[in-house]
Amino acid sequence: MSRSIIATELAPAAIGPYSQAVRAGRTVHFSGQIPLDPATAALVDGDIGVQTRRVFDNLAAVAGAAGGSLAQIVRMGIYVTDLADFAAVNAVMAEYFQPPYPARSTIQVAALPKAAAVEIDAVMVLD
């Protein structure tokens, strides 16, 4: 099976020793995205809604670089620093996804890189 690295300047560069995504066959594994502005690599200012939108925009950019779209995501892992943000994250997700929704887990964590409030990773299967 072939393996290729997915990278785009339309999403933030990795802040550690990892790739934005890796394609193996028709499956694309996304690294976690936090709400970084791709142009500045700075955390976006704003509430959980603003941060979550930036994360989904970053994921969409990586999906596009891989030849796909958010509609082809089959699984997501969502990590939040406050589970009280669950409903707000769901509301933003509903702006980006239509039924049938991908499989998903949402987990509260003690902290995320750069003091982000949300991080999302994903798996996409290309048609």
N, C-alpha and C. Protein backbone atom coordinates (compact mmCIF):
# COMPACT_ATOMS: atom_id res chain seq x y z
N MET A 1 0.84 -1.17 0.00
CA MET A 1 0.00 0.00 0.00
C MET A 1 0.89 1.24 0.00
N SER A 2 0.51 2.20 -0.83
CA SER A 2 1.29 3.43 -0.88
C SER A 2 0.91 4.35 0.28
N ARG A 3 1.87 5.16 0.67
CA ARG A 3 1.67 6.12 1.75
C ARG A 3 2.19 7.45 1.27
N SER A 4 1.37 8.51 1.47
CA SER A 4 1.84 9.83 1.07
C SER A 4 1.47 10.84 2.14
N ILE A 5 2.31 11.85 2.24
CA ILE A 5 2.12 12.90 3.23
C ILE A 5 1.27 14.00 2.60
N ILE A 6 0.28 14.48 3.34
CA ILE A 6 -0.59 15.55 2.89
C ILE A 6 -0.16 16.82 3.62
N ALA A 7 0.05 17.89 2.85
CA ALA A 7 0.44 19.16 3.44
C ALA A 7 -0.15 20.30 2.63
N THR A 8 -0.59 21.34 3.31
CA THR A 8 -1.11 22.52 2.64
C THR A 8 -0.79 23.76 3.47
N GLU A 9 -0.52 24.85 2.78
CA GLU A 9 -0.30 26.13 3.47
C GLU A 9 -1.62 26.76 3.90
N LEU A 10 -2.75 26.18 3.48
CA LEU A 10 -4.06 26.70 3.85
C LEU A 10 -4.49 26.25 5.25
N ALA A 11 -3.67 25.41 5.87
CA ALA A 11 -3.87 24.97 7.25
C ALA A 11 -2.56 25.21 7.98
N PRO A 12 -2.62 25.32 9.31
CA PRO A 12 -1.37 25.57 10.06
C PRO A 12 -0.36 24.45 9.87
N ALA A 13 0.89 24.83 9.82
CA ALA A 13 1.97 23.85 9.78
C ALA A 13 1.99 23.10 11.11
N ALA A 14 2.46 21.88 11.07
CA ALA A 14 2.59 21.09 12.28
C ALA A 14 3.50 21.81 13.28
N ILE A 15 3.14 21.74 14.56
CA ILE A 15 3.95 22.38 15.60
C ILE A 15 4.83 21.36 16.32
N GLY A 16 4.96 20.20 15.73
CA GLY A 16 5.79 19.15 16.30
C GLY A 16 6.22 18.20 15.20
N PRO A 17 6.81 17.08 15.56
CA PRO A 17 7.31 16.12 14.57
C PRO A 17 6.21 15.21 14.03
N TYR A 18 5.29 15.80 13.28
CA TYR A 18 4.19 15.04 12.68
C TYR A 18 3.73 15.76 11.41
N SER A 19 2.93 15.06 10.61
CA SER A 19 2.39 15.61 9.37
C SER A 19 0.96 16.08 9.59
N GLN A 20 0.49 17.00 8.75
CA GLN A 20 -0.91 17.42 8.83
C GLN A 20 -1.83 16.22 8.62
N ALA A 21 -1.47 15.37 7.68
CA ALA A 21 -2.24 14.15 7.41
C ALA A 21 -1.37 13.18 6.65
N VAL A 22 -1.76 11.92 6.70
CA VAL A 22 -1.07 10.86 5.95
C VAL A 22 -2.13 10.05 5.22
N ARG A 23 -1.91 9.89 3.92
CA ARG A 23 -2.82 9.06 3.12
C ARG A 23 -2.21 7.68 2.95
N ALA A 24 -2.99 6.67 3.24
CA ALA A 24 -2.60 5.28 3.04
C ALA A 24 -3.71 4.63 2.22
N GLY A 25 -3.44 4.36 0.95
CA GLY A 25 -4.50 3.87 0.08
C GLY A 25 -5.56 4.96 -0.08
N ARG A 26 -6.81 4.63 0.17
CA ARG A 26 -7.90 5.60 0.07
C ARG A 26 -8.22 6.26 1.41
N THR A 27 -7.50 5.88 2.46
CA THR A 27 -7.78 6.40 3.79
C THR A 27 -6.79 7.50 4.15
N VAL A 28 -7.32 8.60 4.68
CA VAL A 28 -6.50 9.74 5.10
C VAL A 28 -6.67 9.91 6.60
N HIS A 29 -5.55 9.87 7.33
CA HIS A 29 -5.54 10.05 8.77
C HIS A 29 -5.05 11.47 9.07
N PHE A 30 -5.91 12.28 9.68
CA PHE A 30 -5.57 13.66 10.01
C PHE A 30 -4.96 13.74 11.40
N SER A 31 -3.92 14.50 11.53
CA SER A 31 -3.43 14.84 12.87
C SER A 31 -4.42 15.80 13.49
N GLY A 32 -4.36 15.92 14.81
CA GLY A 32 -5.25 16.85 15.48
C GLY A 32 -4.99 18.28 15.03
N GLN A 33 -6.07 19.00 14.82
CA GLN A 33 -5.99 20.42 14.49
C GLN A 33 -6.49 21.21 15.68
N ILE A 34 -5.75 22.24 16.03
CA ILE A 34 -6.20 23.19 17.03
C ILE A 34 -6.51 24.50 16.31
N PRO A 35 -7.15 25.45 16.96
CA PRO A 35 -7.59 26.66 16.27
C PRO A 35 -6.48 27.68 16.00
N LEU A 36 -5.54 27.27 15.18
CA LEU A 36 -4.46 28.18 14.78
C LEU A 36 -4.79 28.82 13.45
N ASP A 37 -4.49 30.09 13.34
CA ASP A 37 -4.62 30.80 12.06
C ASP A 37 -3.47 30.32 11.17
N PRO A 38 -3.77 29.82 9.97
CA PRO A 38 -2.69 29.30 9.12
C PRO A 38 -1.66 30.37 8.73
N ALA A 39 -2.09 31.62 8.62
CA ALA A 39 -1.18 32.69 8.19
C ALA A 39 -0.20 33.10 9.27
N THR A 40 -0.65 33.04 10.54
CA THR A 40 0.19 33.55 11.63
C THR A 40 0.67 32.47 12.59
N ALA A 41 0.05 31.30 12.55
CA ALA A 41 0.31 30.21 13.48
C ALA A 41 -0.07 30.59 14.91
N ALA A 42 -0.86 31.66 15.07
CA ALA A 42 -1.33 32.08 16.39
C ALA A 42 -2.72 31.52 16.66
N LEU A 43 -3.00 31.26 17.91
CA LEU A 43 -4.32 30.82 18.32
C LEU A 43 -5.32 31.93 18.02
N VAL A 44 -6.47 31.59 17.42
CA VAL A 44 -7.48 32.61 17.13
C VAL A 44 -8.10 33.10 18.43
N ASP A 45 -8.47 34.36 18.43
CA ASP A 45 -9.17 34.93 19.58
C ASP A 45 -10.64 34.61 19.46
N GLY A 46 -11.26 34.27 20.58
CA GLY A 46 -12.69 34.04 20.56
C GLY A 46 -13.11 32.89 21.43
N ASP A 47 -14.42 32.74 21.51
CA ASP A 47 -15.02 31.69 22.34
C ASP A 47 -14.90 30.33 21.67
N ILE A 48 -15.51 29.33 22.28
CA ILE A 48 -15.41 27.96 21.76
C ILE A 48 -15.99 27.85 20.35
N GLY A 49 -17.00 28.63 20.04
CA GLY A 49 -17.57 28.61 18.69
C GLY A 49 -16.57 29.09 17.66
N VAL A 50 -15.91 30.20 17.93
CA VAL A 50 -14.90 30.74 17.02
C VAL A 50 -13.75 29.75 16.87
N GLN A 51 -13.31 29.18 17.98
CA GLN A 51 -12.20 28.22 17.92
C GLN A 51 -12.59 26.97 17.13
N THR A 52 -13.80 26.48 17.35
CA THR A 52 -14.23 25.26 16.66
C THR A 52 -14.37 25.50 15.17
N ARG A 53 -14.89 26.66 14.76
CA ARG A 53 -14.97 26.98 13.33
C ARG A 53 -13.58 26.99 12.69
N ARG A 54 -12.61 27.58 13.38
CA ARG A 54 -11.25 27.61 12.83
C ARG A 54 -10.72 26.20 12.66
N VAL A 55 -10.99 25.33 13.63
CA VAL A 55 -10.53 23.94 13.53
C VAL A 55 -11.16 23.26 12.32
N PHE A 56 -12.48 23.42 12.14
CA PHE A 56 -13.13 22.79 10.99
C PHE A 56 -12.64 23.38 9.68
N ASP A 57 -12.36 24.68 9.64
CA ASP A 57 -11.79 25.28 8.43
C ASP A 57 -10.41 24.69 8.14
N ASN A 58 -9.61 24.48 9.18
CA ASN A 58 -8.29 23.86 9.00
C ASN A 58 -8.43 22.43 8.49
N LEU A 59 -9.35 21.67 9.08
CA LEU A 59 -9.57 20.29 8.63
C LEU A 59 -10.04 20.28 7.18
N ALA A 60 -10.92 21.21 6.80
CA ALA A 60 -11.41 21.28 5.42
C ALA A 60 -10.26 21.55 4.45
N ALA A 61 -9.33 22.41 4.85
CA ALA A 61 -8.18 22.70 3.99
C ALA A 61 -7.32 21.46 3.79
N VAL A 62 -7.08 20.72 4.84
CA VAL A 62 -6.28 19.49 4.73
C VAL A 62 -7.03 18.45 3.90
N ALA A 63 -8.34 18.34 4.11
CA ALA A 63 -9.14 17.41 3.31
C ALA A 63 -9.05 17.75 1.83
N GLY A 64 -9.14 19.02 1.51
CA GLY A 64 -9.02 19.45 0.13
C GLY A 64 -7.66 19.14 -0.46
N ALA A 65 -6.61 19.33 0.33
CA ALA A 65 -5.26 19.01 -0.14
C ALA A 65 -5.09 17.52 -0.42
N ALA A 66 -5.89 16.71 0.25
CA ALA A 66 -5.84 15.26 0.05
C ALA A 66 -6.76 14.81 -1.08
N GLY A 67 -7.50 15.76 -1.67
CA GLY A 67 -8.41 15.40 -2.75
C GLY A 67 -9.80 15.06 -2.29
N GLY A 68 -10.15 15.46 -1.07
CA GLY A 68 -11.47 15.14 -0.54
C GLY A 68 -12.15 16.34 0.07
N SER A 69 -13.11 16.06 0.92
CA SER A 69 -13.86 17.12 1.61
C SER A 69 -14.31 16.61 2.96
N LEU A 70 -14.82 17.51 3.77
CA LEU A 70 -15.32 17.10 5.09
C LEU A 70 -16.41 16.05 4.98
N ALA A 71 -17.16 16.04 3.89
CA ALA A 71 -18.24 15.07 3.72
C ALA A 71 -17.73 13.64 3.67
N GLN A 72 -16.44 13.44 3.43
CA GLN A 72 -15.88 12.10 3.36
C GLN A 72 -15.23 11.65 4.67
N ILE A 73 -15.32 12.48 5.69
CA ILE A 73 -14.79 12.07 7.00
C ILE A 73 -15.71 11.02 7.59
N VAL A 74 -15.11 9.92 8.04
CA VAL A 74 -15.88 8.82 8.61
C VAL A 74 -15.78 8.75 10.14
N ARG A 75 -14.75 9.38 10.70
CA ARG A 75 -14.59 9.36 12.15
C ARG A 75 -13.84 10.60 12.60
N MET A 76 -14.27 11.14 13.75
CA MET A 76 -13.58 12.28 14.37
C MET A 76 -13.39 12.01 15.85
N GLY A 77 -12.31 12.53 16.37
CA GLY A 77 -12.08 12.58 17.81
C GLY A 77 -12.04 14.05 18.19
N ILE A 78 -12.90 14.43 19.11
CA ILE A 78 -12.94 15.83 19.56
C ILE A 78 -12.46 15.87 21.01
N TYR A 79 -11.53 16.78 21.27
CA TYR A 79 -10.95 16.93 22.60
C TYR A 79 -11.23 18.36 23.06
N VAL A 80 -11.87 18.51 24.19
CA VAL A 80 -12.19 19.84 24.73
C VAL A 80 -11.65 19.93 26.16
N THR A 81 -11.31 21.14 26.55
CA THR A 81 -10.81 21.33 27.92
C THR A 81 -11.95 21.54 28.91
N ASP A 82 -13.18 21.72 28.39
CA ASP A 82 -14.35 21.88 29.25
C ASP A 82 -15.55 21.22 28.58
N LEU A 83 -16.01 20.11 29.15
CA LEU A 83 -17.13 19.38 28.58
C LEU A 83 -18.42 20.21 28.57
N ALA A 84 -18.44 21.30 29.30
CA ALA A 84 -19.59 22.21 29.24
C ALA A 84 -19.72 22.84 27.84
N ASP A 85 -18.65 22.77 27.03
CA ASP A 85 -18.67 23.29 25.67
C ASP A 85 -19.26 22.30 24.66
N PHE A 86 -19.69 21.14 25.11
CA PHE A 86 -20.20 20.08 24.25
C PHE A 86 -21.29 20.58 23.31
N ALA A 87 -22.30 21.27 23.82
CA ALA A 87 -23.41 21.75 22.98
C ALA A 87 -22.94 22.77 21.96
N ALA A 88 -22.05 23.66 22.34
CA ALA A 88 -21.55 24.68 21.41
C ALA A 88 -20.74 24.03 20.28
N VAL A 89 -19.93 23.04 20.61
CA VAL A 89 -19.16 22.33 19.58
C VAL A 89 -20.13 21.60 18.65
N ASN A 90 -21.16 20.97 19.19
CA ASN A 90 -22.17 20.29 18.36
C ASN A 90 -22.84 21.26 17.40
N ALA A 91 -23.16 22.46 17.88
CA ALA A 91 -23.84 23.45 17.04
C ALA A 91 -22.96 23.86 15.87
N VAL A 92 -21.67 24.05 16.12
CA VAL A 92 -20.75 24.41 15.04
C VAL A 92 -20.58 23.24 14.09
N MET A 93 -20.45 22.03 14.62
CA MET A 93 -20.30 20.85 13.76
C MET A 93 -21.49 20.74 12.81
N ALA A 94 -22.68 21.05 13.28
CA ALA A 94 -23.88 20.97 12.44
C ALA A 94 -23.84 21.97 11.28
N GLU A 95 -23.02 23.01 11.39
CA GLU A 95 -22.85 23.96 10.28
C GLU A 95 -21.97 23.38 9.17
N TYR A 96 -21.13 22.41 9.52
CA TYR A 96 -20.14 21.87 8.58
C TYR A 96 -20.50 20.48 8.05
N PHE A 97 -21.37 19.76 8.73
CA PHE A 97 -21.69 18.37 8.38
C PHE A 97 -23.19 18.18 8.25
N GLN A 98 -23.57 17.29 7.35
CA GLN A 98 -24.96 16.90 7.15
C GLN A 98 -25.09 15.42 7.49
N PRO A 99 -26.28 14.97 7.86
CA PRO A 99 -26.48 13.53 8.08
C PRO A 99 -26.23 12.76 6.78
N PRO A 100 -25.72 11.57 6.84
CA PRO A 100 -25.31 10.86 8.05
C PRO A 100 -23.95 11.39 8.54
N TYR A 101 -23.91 11.64 9.81
CA TYR A 101 -22.71 12.22 10.43
C TYR A 101 -21.62 11.16 10.59
N PRO A 102 -20.36 11.61 10.68
CA PRO A 102 -19.29 10.64 10.96
C PRO A 102 -19.40 10.09 12.38
N ALA A 103 -18.80 8.96 12.60
CA ALA A 103 -18.66 8.45 13.96
C ALA A 103 -17.79 9.44 14.72
N ARG A 104 -17.97 9.50 16.05
CA ARG A 104 -17.26 10.55 16.79
C ARG A 104 -17.16 10.19 18.27
N SER A 105 -16.09 10.66 18.87
CA SER A 105 -15.98 10.65 20.33
C SER A 105 -15.67 12.07 20.76
N THR A 106 -16.09 12.43 21.96
CA THR A 106 -15.76 13.73 22.54
C THR A 106 -15.22 13.47 23.93
N ILE A 107 -14.03 13.98 24.19
CA ILE A 107 -13.33 13.67 25.43
C ILE A 107 -12.83 14.97 26.06
N GLN A 108 -13.08 15.12 27.35
CA GLN A 108 -12.52 16.26 28.07
C GLN A 108 -11.09 15.92 28.47
N VAL A 109 -10.20 16.88 28.24
CA VAL A 109 -8.80 16.71 28.57
C VAL A 109 -8.35 17.85 29.48
N ALA A 110 -7.26 17.66 30.18
CA ALA A 110 -6.77 18.67 31.11
C ALA A 110 -6.23 19.91 30.41
N ALA A 111 -5.59 19.72 29.26
CA ALA A 111 -5.00 20.85 28.53
C ALA A 111 -4.72 20.42 27.10
N LEU A 112 -4.61 21.43 26.22
CA LEU A 112 -4.27 21.21 24.83
C LEU A 112 -3.12 22.14 24.44
N PRO A 113 -2.41 21.82 23.36
CA PRO A 113 -1.30 22.68 22.96
C PRO A 113 -1.73 24.14 22.77
N LYS A 114 -0.85 25.04 23.14
CA LYS A 114 -1.04 26.49 23.00
C LYS A 114 -2.28 27.00 23.73
N ALA A 115 -2.74 26.26 24.74
CA ALA A 115 -3.91 26.63 25.55
C ALA A 115 -5.19 26.70 24.73
N ALA A 116 -5.27 25.91 23.67
CA ALA A 116 -6.50 25.83 22.88
C ALA A 116 -7.61 25.21 23.72
N ALA A 117 -8.85 25.52 23.37
CA ALA A 117 -10.00 24.94 24.06
C ALA A 117 -10.52 23.70 23.37
N VAL A 118 -10.10 23.47 22.11
CA VAL A 118 -10.61 22.33 21.33
C VAL A 118 -9.53 21.86 20.36
N GLU A 119 -9.51 20.56 20.14
CA GLU A 119 -8.66 19.92 19.13
C GLU A 119 -9.48 18.81 18.50
N ILE A 120 -9.34 18.65 17.18
CA ILE A 120 -10.09 17.60 16.49
C ILE A 120 -9.15 16.86 15.54
N ASP A 121 -9.20 15.53 15.60
CA ASP A 121 -8.52 14.71 14.60
C ASP A 121 -9.59 13.95 13.82
N ALA A 122 -9.20 13.34 12.72
CA ALA A 122 -10.21 12.71 11.87
C ALA A 122 -9.60 11.63 11.00
N VAL A 123 -10.49 10.82 10.44
CA VAL A 123 -10.16 9.82 9.42
C VAL A 123 -11.13 10.03 8.27
N MET A 124 -10.59 10.09 7.05
CA MET A 124 -11.39 10.30 5.86
C MET A 124 -11.13 9.16 4.89
N VAL A 125 -12.17 8.71 4.21
CA VAL A 125 -12.02 7.70 3.16
C VAL A 125 -12.43 8.34 1.84
N LEU A 126 -11.49 8.37 0.91
CA LEU A 126 -11.74 8.97 -0.39
C LEU A 126 -12.54 8.02 -1.28
N ASP A 127 -13.40 8.58 -2.11
CA ASP A 127 -14.21 7.78 -3.04
C ASP A 127 -13.34 7.17 -4.11
